N, C-alpha and C. Protein backbone atom coordinates (compact mmCIF):
# COMPACT_ATOMS: atom_id res chain seq x y z
N MET A 1 6.01 14.16 10.15
CA MET A 1 6.31 12.85 9.59
C MET A 1 5.16 12.40 8.70
N LYS A 2 5.51 11.96 7.50
CA LYS A 2 4.47 11.48 6.59
C LYS A 2 3.92 10.15 7.07
N LYS A 3 2.62 10.00 6.89
CA LYS A 3 1.95 8.74 7.22
C LYS A 3 1.54 8.08 5.91
N VAL A 4 1.91 6.81 5.78
CA VAL A 4 1.63 6.05 4.57
C VAL A 4 0.90 4.77 4.94
N VAL A 5 -0.16 4.46 4.21
CA VAL A 5 -0.79 3.16 4.35
C VAL A 5 -0.79 2.49 2.99
N ALA A 6 -0.78 1.18 3.00
CA ALA A 6 -0.74 0.43 1.75
C ALA A 6 -1.49 -0.88 1.90
N VAL A 7 -1.91 -1.40 0.75
CA VAL A 7 -2.48 -2.74 0.69
C VAL A 7 -1.72 -3.49 -0.39
N THR A 8 -1.30 -4.71 -0.09
CA THR A 8 -0.65 -5.53 -1.11
C THR A 8 -1.48 -6.80 -1.29
N ALA A 9 -1.63 -7.20 -2.55
CA ALA A 9 -2.39 -8.41 -2.87
C ALA A 9 -2.01 -8.89 -4.26
N CYS A 10 -1.78 -10.19 -4.39
CA CYS A 10 -1.50 -10.77 -5.70
C CYS A 10 -2.42 -11.97 -5.90
N PRO A 11 -2.56 -12.44 -7.13
CA PRO A 11 -3.53 -13.51 -7.40
C PRO A 11 -3.37 -14.75 -6.53
N THR A 12 -2.14 -15.20 -6.28
CA THR A 12 -1.97 -16.39 -5.45
C THR A 12 -1.90 -16.04 -3.97
N GLY A 13 -1.63 -14.76 -3.69
CA GLY A 13 -1.62 -14.32 -2.29
C GLY A 13 -0.47 -14.86 -1.50
N VAL A 14 0.64 -15.13 -2.18
CA VAL A 14 1.78 -15.66 -1.46
C VAL A 14 2.97 -14.72 -1.64
N ALA A 15 3.93 -15.11 -2.43
CA ALA A 15 5.21 -14.41 -2.52
C ALA A 15 5.11 -12.91 -2.78
N HIS A 16 4.47 -12.51 -3.88
CA HIS A 16 4.48 -11.09 -4.25
C HIS A 16 3.77 -10.20 -3.22
N THR A 17 2.73 -10.74 -2.60
CA THR A 17 2.02 -9.96 -1.57
C THR A 17 2.99 -9.52 -0.48
N TYR A 18 3.79 -10.47 0.00
CA TYR A 18 4.68 -10.18 1.13
C TYR A 18 5.97 -9.49 0.69
N MET A 19 6.42 -9.77 -0.52
CA MET A 19 7.61 -9.08 -1.04
C MET A 19 7.29 -7.60 -1.26
N ALA A 20 6.09 -7.32 -1.76
CA ALA A 20 5.67 -5.92 -1.96
C ALA A 20 5.55 -5.21 -0.62
N GLN A 21 4.99 -5.89 0.37
CA GLN A 21 4.88 -5.33 1.72
C GLN A 21 6.27 -4.95 2.24
N GLU A 22 7.20 -5.86 2.10
CA GLU A 22 8.55 -5.63 2.59
C GLU A 22 9.21 -4.46 1.87
N ALA A 23 9.03 -4.38 0.55
CA ALA A 23 9.64 -3.30 -0.24
C ALA A 23 9.09 -1.94 0.19
N ILE A 24 7.78 -1.86 0.42
CA ILE A 24 7.16 -0.59 0.84
C ILE A 24 7.65 -0.21 2.24
N GLU A 25 7.64 -1.17 3.16
CA GLU A 25 8.07 -0.88 4.53
C GLU A 25 9.53 -0.44 4.57
N LYS A 26 10.36 -1.11 3.79
CA LYS A 26 11.79 -0.80 3.79
C LYS A 26 12.04 0.62 3.25
N GLU A 27 11.44 0.94 2.11
CA GLU A 27 11.66 2.26 1.50
C GLU A 27 11.07 3.37 2.37
N CYS A 28 9.88 3.15 2.92
CA CYS A 28 9.28 4.17 3.79
C CYS A 28 10.11 4.33 5.07
N GLY A 29 10.66 3.23 5.56
CA GLY A 29 11.52 3.27 6.74
C GLY A 29 12.75 4.12 6.50
N LYS A 30 13.35 3.97 5.31
CA LYS A 30 14.53 4.77 4.96
C LYS A 30 14.22 6.26 4.98
N ARG A 31 12.97 6.59 4.63
CA ARG A 31 12.56 8.00 4.57
C ARG A 31 12.02 8.51 5.90
N GLY A 32 11.96 7.63 6.89
CA GLY A 32 11.47 8.03 8.20
C GLY A 32 9.96 8.20 8.26
N TYR A 33 9.25 7.53 7.37
CA TYR A 33 7.78 7.63 7.34
C TYR A 33 7.16 6.64 8.31
N ASP A 34 5.97 7.00 8.77
CA ASP A 34 5.15 6.11 9.57
C ASP A 34 4.37 5.28 8.54
N VAL A 35 4.57 3.97 8.51
CA VAL A 35 3.95 3.14 7.47
C VAL A 35 3.25 1.93 8.05
N LYS A 36 2.11 1.59 7.46
CA LYS A 36 1.41 0.35 7.83
C LYS A 36 0.91 -0.29 6.54
N VAL A 37 1.21 -1.57 6.39
CA VAL A 37 0.84 -2.29 5.18
C VAL A 37 -0.11 -3.45 5.52
N GLU A 38 -1.29 -3.41 4.92
CA GLU A 38 -2.24 -4.50 5.05
C GLU A 38 -1.98 -5.49 3.92
N THR A 39 -1.92 -6.76 4.26
CA THR A 39 -1.76 -7.78 3.21
C THR A 39 -3.06 -8.55 3.06
N GLN A 40 -3.42 -8.78 1.80
CA GLN A 40 -4.58 -9.63 1.51
C GLN A 40 -4.04 -10.79 0.70
N GLY A 41 -3.76 -11.88 1.41
CA GLY A 41 -3.12 -13.01 0.76
C GLY A 41 -3.84 -14.32 1.04
N SER A 42 -3.11 -15.40 0.90
CA SER A 42 -3.68 -16.72 1.10
C SER A 42 -4.12 -16.92 2.56
N MET A 43 -3.57 -16.10 3.46
CA MET A 43 -3.95 -16.19 4.87
C MET A 43 -5.12 -15.26 5.20
N GLY A 44 -5.73 -14.68 4.18
CA GLY A 44 -6.80 -13.71 4.41
C GLY A 44 -6.20 -12.33 4.62
N ILE A 45 -6.92 -11.47 5.32
CA ILE A 45 -6.43 -10.10 5.57
C ILE A 45 -5.61 -10.10 6.85
N GLU A 46 -4.38 -9.58 6.73
CA GLU A 46 -3.51 -9.46 7.90
C GLU A 46 -3.13 -8.00 8.07
N ASN A 47 -2.93 -7.59 9.32
CA ASN A 47 -2.51 -6.22 9.62
C ASN A 47 -3.53 -5.23 9.08
N GLU A 48 -4.81 -5.54 9.27
CA GLU A 48 -5.90 -4.76 8.67
C GLU A 48 -5.84 -3.28 9.05
N LEU A 49 -6.02 -2.43 8.05
CA LEU A 49 -6.01 -0.98 8.25
C LEU A 49 -7.34 -0.53 8.84
N GLU A 50 -7.26 0.33 9.85
CA GLU A 50 -8.45 0.94 10.42
C GLU A 50 -8.82 2.15 9.56
N GLN A 51 -10.10 2.49 9.53
CA GLN A 51 -10.54 3.65 8.74
C GLN A 51 -9.80 4.92 9.17
N GLU A 52 -9.58 5.08 10.46
CA GLU A 52 -8.88 6.26 10.97
C GLU A 52 -7.45 6.36 10.43
N GLU A 53 -6.77 5.21 10.33
CA GLU A 53 -5.40 5.20 9.78
C GLU A 53 -5.41 5.62 8.32
N ILE A 54 -6.39 5.15 7.57
CA ILE A 54 -6.51 5.52 6.16
C ILE A 54 -6.78 7.02 6.05
N ASN A 55 -7.70 7.52 6.86
CA ASN A 55 -8.06 8.95 6.81
C ASN A 55 -6.87 9.86 7.12
N LYS A 56 -6.00 9.43 8.03
CA LYS A 56 -4.87 10.26 8.45
C LYS A 56 -3.66 10.15 7.52
N ALA A 57 -3.71 9.19 6.59
CA ALA A 57 -2.56 8.94 5.71
C ALA A 57 -2.36 10.10 4.73
N ASP A 58 -1.08 10.42 4.47
CA ASP A 58 -0.76 11.43 3.46
C ASP A 58 -1.01 10.88 2.07
N PHE A 59 -0.76 9.59 1.89
CA PHE A 59 -1.10 8.93 0.64
C PHE A 59 -1.24 7.43 0.86
N VAL A 60 -1.87 6.78 -0.12
CA VAL A 60 -2.16 5.36 -0.05
C VAL A 60 -1.51 4.67 -1.25
N ILE A 61 -0.86 3.55 -1.00
CA ILE A 61 -0.29 2.74 -2.08
C ILE A 61 -1.08 1.44 -2.15
N LEU A 62 -1.68 1.20 -3.30
CA LEU A 62 -2.35 -0.08 -3.52
C LEU A 62 -1.48 -0.87 -4.49
N ALA A 63 -0.72 -1.80 -3.95
CA ALA A 63 0.13 -2.66 -4.77
C ALA A 63 -0.64 -3.96 -4.96
N VAL A 64 -1.57 -3.92 -5.91
CA VAL A 64 -2.52 -5.03 -6.05
C VAL A 64 -2.64 -5.48 -7.50
N ALA A 65 -2.79 -6.79 -7.66
CA ALA A 65 -2.98 -7.36 -9.00
C ALA A 65 -4.35 -8.01 -9.10
N ILE A 66 -5.14 -7.86 -8.04
CA ILE A 66 -6.49 -8.42 -7.99
C ILE A 66 -7.39 -7.42 -7.28
N GLY A 67 -8.70 -7.64 -7.36
CA GLY A 67 -9.62 -6.80 -6.59
C GLY A 67 -9.38 -7.06 -5.11
N ILE A 68 -9.53 -6.03 -4.30
CA ILE A 68 -9.28 -6.21 -2.86
C ILE A 68 -10.56 -6.08 -2.06
N GLU A 69 -10.56 -6.67 -0.90
CA GLU A 69 -11.70 -6.55 0.01
C GLU A 69 -11.63 -5.18 0.70
N GLY A 70 -12.80 -4.61 0.93
CA GLY A 70 -12.85 -3.35 1.67
C GLY A 70 -12.38 -2.15 0.89
N GLU A 71 -12.53 -2.21 -0.44
CA GLU A 71 -12.06 -1.11 -1.28
C GLU A 71 -12.76 0.21 -0.97
N GLU A 72 -14.02 0.11 -0.50
CA GLU A 72 -14.79 1.33 -0.19
C GLU A 72 -14.12 2.17 0.90
N ARG A 73 -13.26 1.57 1.71
CA ARG A 73 -12.56 2.32 2.77
C ARG A 73 -11.70 3.44 2.19
N PHE A 74 -11.34 3.32 0.92
CA PHE A 74 -10.39 4.26 0.31
C PHE A 74 -11.05 5.32 -0.56
N GLU A 75 -12.39 5.34 -0.58
CA GLU A 75 -13.11 6.27 -1.46
C GLU A 75 -12.71 7.73 -1.26
N GLU A 76 -12.62 8.14 0.01
CA GLU A 76 -12.29 9.54 0.30
C GLU A 76 -10.89 9.89 -0.22
N LYS A 77 -9.92 9.01 -0.01
CA LYS A 77 -8.55 9.26 -0.49
C LYS A 77 -8.53 9.27 -2.02
N GLU A 78 -9.35 8.43 -2.63
CA GLU A 78 -9.45 8.39 -4.09
C GLU A 78 -9.96 9.74 -4.60
N ASN A 79 -10.99 10.27 -3.93
CA ASN A 79 -11.55 11.57 -4.32
C ASN A 79 -10.53 12.69 -4.16
N GLU A 80 -9.63 12.55 -3.19
CA GLU A 80 -8.59 13.56 -2.95
C GLU A 80 -7.40 13.37 -3.90
N GLY A 81 -7.42 12.29 -4.69
CA GLY A 81 -6.31 12.01 -5.60
C GLY A 81 -5.05 11.57 -4.86
N LYS A 82 -5.23 10.88 -3.74
CA LYS A 82 -4.09 10.50 -2.89
C LYS A 82 -3.81 9.00 -2.92
N ILE A 83 -4.21 8.35 -4.02
CA ILE A 83 -3.97 6.91 -4.12
C ILE A 83 -3.15 6.62 -5.36
N ILE A 84 -2.15 5.78 -5.20
CA ILE A 84 -1.39 5.28 -6.35
C ILE A 84 -1.62 3.77 -6.39
N THR A 85 -1.98 3.28 -7.57
CA THR A 85 -2.21 1.85 -7.74
C THR A 85 -1.15 1.30 -8.68
N VAL A 86 -0.43 0.31 -8.21
CA VAL A 86 0.64 -0.31 -9.01
C VAL A 86 0.57 -1.82 -8.88
N ASP A 87 1.22 -2.49 -9.81
CA ASP A 87 1.34 -3.94 -9.73
C ASP A 87 2.33 -4.27 -8.61
N PRO A 88 2.08 -5.33 -7.84
CA PRO A 88 3.03 -5.68 -6.78
C PRO A 88 4.46 -5.83 -7.30
N GLY A 89 4.62 -6.39 -8.49
CA GLY A 89 5.95 -6.57 -9.07
C GLY A 89 6.68 -5.25 -9.28
N GLU A 90 5.92 -4.21 -9.60
CA GLU A 90 6.49 -2.88 -9.83
C GLU A 90 7.11 -2.33 -8.54
N VAL A 91 6.39 -2.45 -7.44
CA VAL A 91 6.91 -1.92 -6.17
C VAL A 91 8.06 -2.77 -5.64
N ILE A 92 8.08 -4.06 -5.99
CA ILE A 92 9.19 -4.93 -5.58
C ILE A 92 10.46 -4.53 -6.32
N LYS A 93 10.32 -4.28 -7.63
CA LYS A 93 11.49 -3.94 -8.45
C LYS A 93 11.92 -2.49 -8.31
N HIS A 94 10.95 -1.58 -8.15
CA HIS A 94 11.25 -0.14 -8.17
C HIS A 94 10.59 0.60 -7.00
N PRO A 95 10.89 0.22 -5.76
CA PRO A 95 10.22 0.88 -4.63
C PRO A 95 10.50 2.38 -4.56
N VAL A 96 11.70 2.81 -4.88
CA VAL A 96 12.05 4.23 -4.80
C VAL A 96 11.16 5.05 -5.73
N GLU A 97 11.04 4.60 -6.98
CA GLU A 97 10.24 5.31 -7.97
C GLU A 97 8.77 5.35 -7.58
N VAL A 98 8.26 4.23 -7.07
CA VAL A 98 6.84 4.17 -6.68
C VAL A 98 6.55 5.14 -5.55
N ILE A 99 7.41 5.15 -4.54
CA ILE A 99 7.20 6.05 -3.39
C ILE A 99 7.39 7.51 -3.85
N ASP A 100 8.36 7.77 -4.70
CA ASP A 100 8.54 9.14 -5.24
C ASP A 100 7.28 9.61 -5.94
N LYS A 101 6.70 8.72 -6.76
CA LYS A 101 5.48 9.06 -7.50
C LYS A 101 4.33 9.33 -6.53
N ALA A 102 4.22 8.50 -5.51
CA ALA A 102 3.15 8.64 -4.51
C ALA A 102 3.28 9.97 -3.77
N GLU A 103 4.49 10.37 -3.47
CA GLU A 103 4.73 11.63 -2.76
C GLU A 103 4.23 12.84 -3.53
N LYS A 104 4.23 12.73 -4.85
CA LYS A 104 3.85 13.86 -5.70
C LYS A 104 2.34 14.01 -5.86
N LEU A 105 1.59 13.07 -5.31
CA LEU A 105 0.12 13.11 -5.45
C LEU A 105 -0.46 14.35 -4.79
């Protein structure tokens, strides 16, 4: 089973952050993936990813429109070329395409 972790964040930290989370969880659920999405929104960081979860992930989706806290946690995955960074709006509108692209990393 593929393991996927993601972070969603938008400038206001409200609607798009959570809509992107939902889109990622829904599409990964359809594919039977183990998925965990950290949100960085107006409520601060919720559902925070542990370093171990990031390390074990097959790929990482950063659906972010702003700089995120704790970006250094993803350095190793970045070096492995296992991170896809998209605008939250992109994953909301086209979750299938985004996940397909991430799978090819």
